[in-house]
């Protein structure tokens, strides 16, 4: 019985829950964090994980979510980003039941708007040596 409970707990908890999240930016809709240990840079391409905590719950496929973890690439020279994966959780800080998870092989590069959350993330990821 203990093994079954342990396996179920492992399936429903996030591997991102143990990350060391640092506040990146905040607005009226969410607080966005990053994990310094996930930042990797090769030439002009950087990647990192960010976590967004929603101020108000969002409904996705009839399930309520309060946070999402995004794995993103940035082209530091061209100032564009590409989402590699997105995982949505029922609780804050990437905790609770996983509501949705999506891997993207070629989602496509998108331009980063000045003074946006993505702009803050690009600056942090690209300034890491």
Protein backbone atom coordinates (compact mmCIF):
# COMPACT_ATOMS: atom_id res chain seq x y z
CA UNK A 1 0.00 0.00 0.00
CA UNK A 2 2.84 2.39 0.89
CA UNK A 3 4.43 1.80 -2.52
CA UNK A 4 1.20 2.70 -4.32
CA UNK A 5 0.81 5.93 -2.33
CA UNK A 6 4.47 6.83 -2.96
CA UNK A 7 4.12 6.22 -6.70
CA UNK A 8 0.94 8.32 -6.87
CA UNK A 9 2.57 11.17 -4.95
CA UNK A 10 5.56 11.05 -7.27
CA UNK A 11 3.32 11.22 -10.34
CA UNK A 12 1.34 14.21 -9.05
CA UNK A 13 4.16 16.36 -7.75
CA UNK A 14 6.35 18.54 -9.87
CA UNK A 15 10.04 18.10 -10.50
CA UNK A 16 10.07 21.90 -10.67
CA UNK A 17 8.86 22.21 -7.08
CA UNK A 18 12.45 21.78 -5.85
CA UNK A 19 13.83 24.52 -8.11
CA UNK A 20 15.26 27.69 -6.59
CA UNK A 21 12.89 30.28 -8.03
CA UNK A 22 13.96 33.94 -7.96
CA UNK A 23 11.54 36.75 -8.77
CA UNK A 24 12.16 38.13 -12.27
CA UNK A 25 9.23 40.50 -12.78
CA UNK A 26 5.72 41.23 -11.51
CA UNK A 27 2.56 42.85 -12.81
CA UNK A 28 -1.15 42.86 -11.97
CA UNK A 29 -1.67 39.44 -13.63
CA UNK A 30 1.29 37.39 -12.39
CA UNK A 31 4.63 37.07 -10.67
CA UNK A 32 7.30 35.54 -12.91
CA UNK A 33 10.32 33.70 -11.51
CA UNK A 34 13.40 32.06 -13.01
CA UNK A 35 15.74 29.30 -11.85
CA UNK A 36 19.39 30.39 -12.24
CA UNK A 37 20.58 26.76 -12.34
CA UNK A 38 18.60 26.13 -15.53
CA UNK A 39 20.23 28.91 -17.56
CA UNK A 40 22.46 27.53 -20.30
CA UNK A 41 24.15 29.53 -23.01
CA UNK A 42 25.90 28.42 -26.20
CA UNK A 43 27.15 31.25 -28.40
CA UNK A 44 24.15 33.55 -28.99
CA UNK A 45 21.49 30.99 -27.90
CA UNK A 46 20.45 30.91 -24.23
CA UNK A 47 17.75 28.85 -22.55
CA UNK A 48 16.10 28.87 -19.16
CA UNK A 49 13.06 27.81 -17.16
CA UNK A 50 10.58 30.40 -15.92
CA UNK A 51 7.60 29.99 -13.63
CA UNK A 52 4.55 32.27 -13.75
CA UNK A 53 2.17 32.45 -10.79
CA UNK A 54 -1.23 33.78 -11.83
CA UNK A 55 -2.90 36.36 -9.60
CA UNK A 56 -6.29 34.88 -10.48
CA UNK A 57 -7.00 31.23 -11.36
CA UNK A 58 -7.22 30.35 -15.05
CA UNK A 59 -9.37 27.59 -16.51
CA UNK A 60 -7.72 25.28 -19.04
CA UNK A 61 -9.72 22.31 -20.37
CA UNK A 62 -12.15 22.63 -17.44
CA UNK A 63 -9.31 22.48 -14.89
CA UNK A 64 -8.19 25.39 -12.75
CA UNK A 65 -4.55 26.45 -12.92
CA UNK A 66 -2.48 28.88 -10.87
CA UNK A 67 1.02 28.45 -12.31
CA UNK A 68 2.96 27.40 -15.37
CA UNK A 69 6.56 26.44 -16.00
CA UNK A 70 8.00 27.32 -19.39
CA UNK A 71 11.29 26.10 -20.93
CA UNK A 72 12.37 28.73 -23.42
CA UNK A 73 15.24 29.43 -25.84
CA UNK A 74 16.41 32.97 -26.60
CA UNK A 75 18.48 34.26 -29.49
CA UNK A 76 20.47 36.96 -27.71
CA UNK A 77 21.48 38.72 -30.95
CA UNK A 78 18.14 38.70 -32.75
CA UNK A 79 16.08 39.31 -29.55
CA UNK A 80 13.60 36.51 -30.26
CA UNK A 81 12.34 33.56 -28.19
CA UNK A 82 11.13 30.01 -28.82
CA UNK A 83 9.06 28.02 -26.30
CA UNK A 84 10.32 24.44 -25.99
CA UNK A 85 7.85 23.19 -23.40
CA UNK A 86 5.02 24.39 -21.19
CA UNK A 87 3.64 22.67 -18.09
CA UNK A 88 0.58 24.01 -16.28
CA UNK A 89 -0.15 23.24 -12.60
CA UNK A 90 -3.21 23.53 -10.38
CA UNK A 91 -1.26 25.16 -7.54
CA UNK A 92 1.11 28.07 -7.18
CA UNK A 93 4.89 27.70 -7.66
CA UNK A 94 4.62 24.67 -9.96
CA UNK A 95 2.93 22.55 -7.30
CA UNK A 96 -0.23 20.54 -7.29
CA UNK A 97 -1.70 18.41 -10.00
CA UNK A 98 -0.31 18.80 -13.52
CA UNK A 99 -3.17 20.24 -15.57
CA UNK A 100 -1.43 20.21 -18.96
CA UNK A 101 1.98 19.58 -20.45
CA UNK A 102 3.15 20.29 -23.97
CA UNK A 103 6.50 19.77 -25.73
CA UNK A 104 7.19 21.80 -28.84
CA UNK A 105 9.70 20.61 -31.40
CA UNK A 106 9.46 23.61 -33.72
CA UNK A 107 7.00 26.13 -32.32
CA UNK A 108 8.86 28.97 -33.99
CA UNK A 109 10.78 32.06 -32.98
CA UNK A 110 8.79 35.11 -31.88
CA UNK A 111 9.90 38.71 -31.56
CA UNK A 112 10.24 40.07 -28.03
CA UNK A 113 8.35 43.25 -27.20
CA UNK A 114 10.29 45.90 -25.26
CA UNK A 115 9.56 46.12 -21.51
CA UNK A 116 7.74 42.74 -21.55
CA UNK A 117 8.17 39.67 -19.37
CA UNK A 118 10.02 37.99 -22.25
CA UNK A 119 12.31 41.02 -22.47
CA UNK A 120 13.22 40.61 -18.78
CA UNK A 121 13.80 36.88 -19.27
CA UNK A 122 15.99 37.49 -22.35
CA UNK A 123 18.10 40.00 -20.44
CA UNK A 124 18.61 37.57 -17.53
CA UNK A 125 19.35 34.53 -19.73
CA UNK A 126 21.67 36.36 -22.11
CA UNK A 127 23.63 38.15 -19.37
CA UNK A 128 24.60 34.84 -17.75
CA UNK A 129 28.11 33.69 -18.61
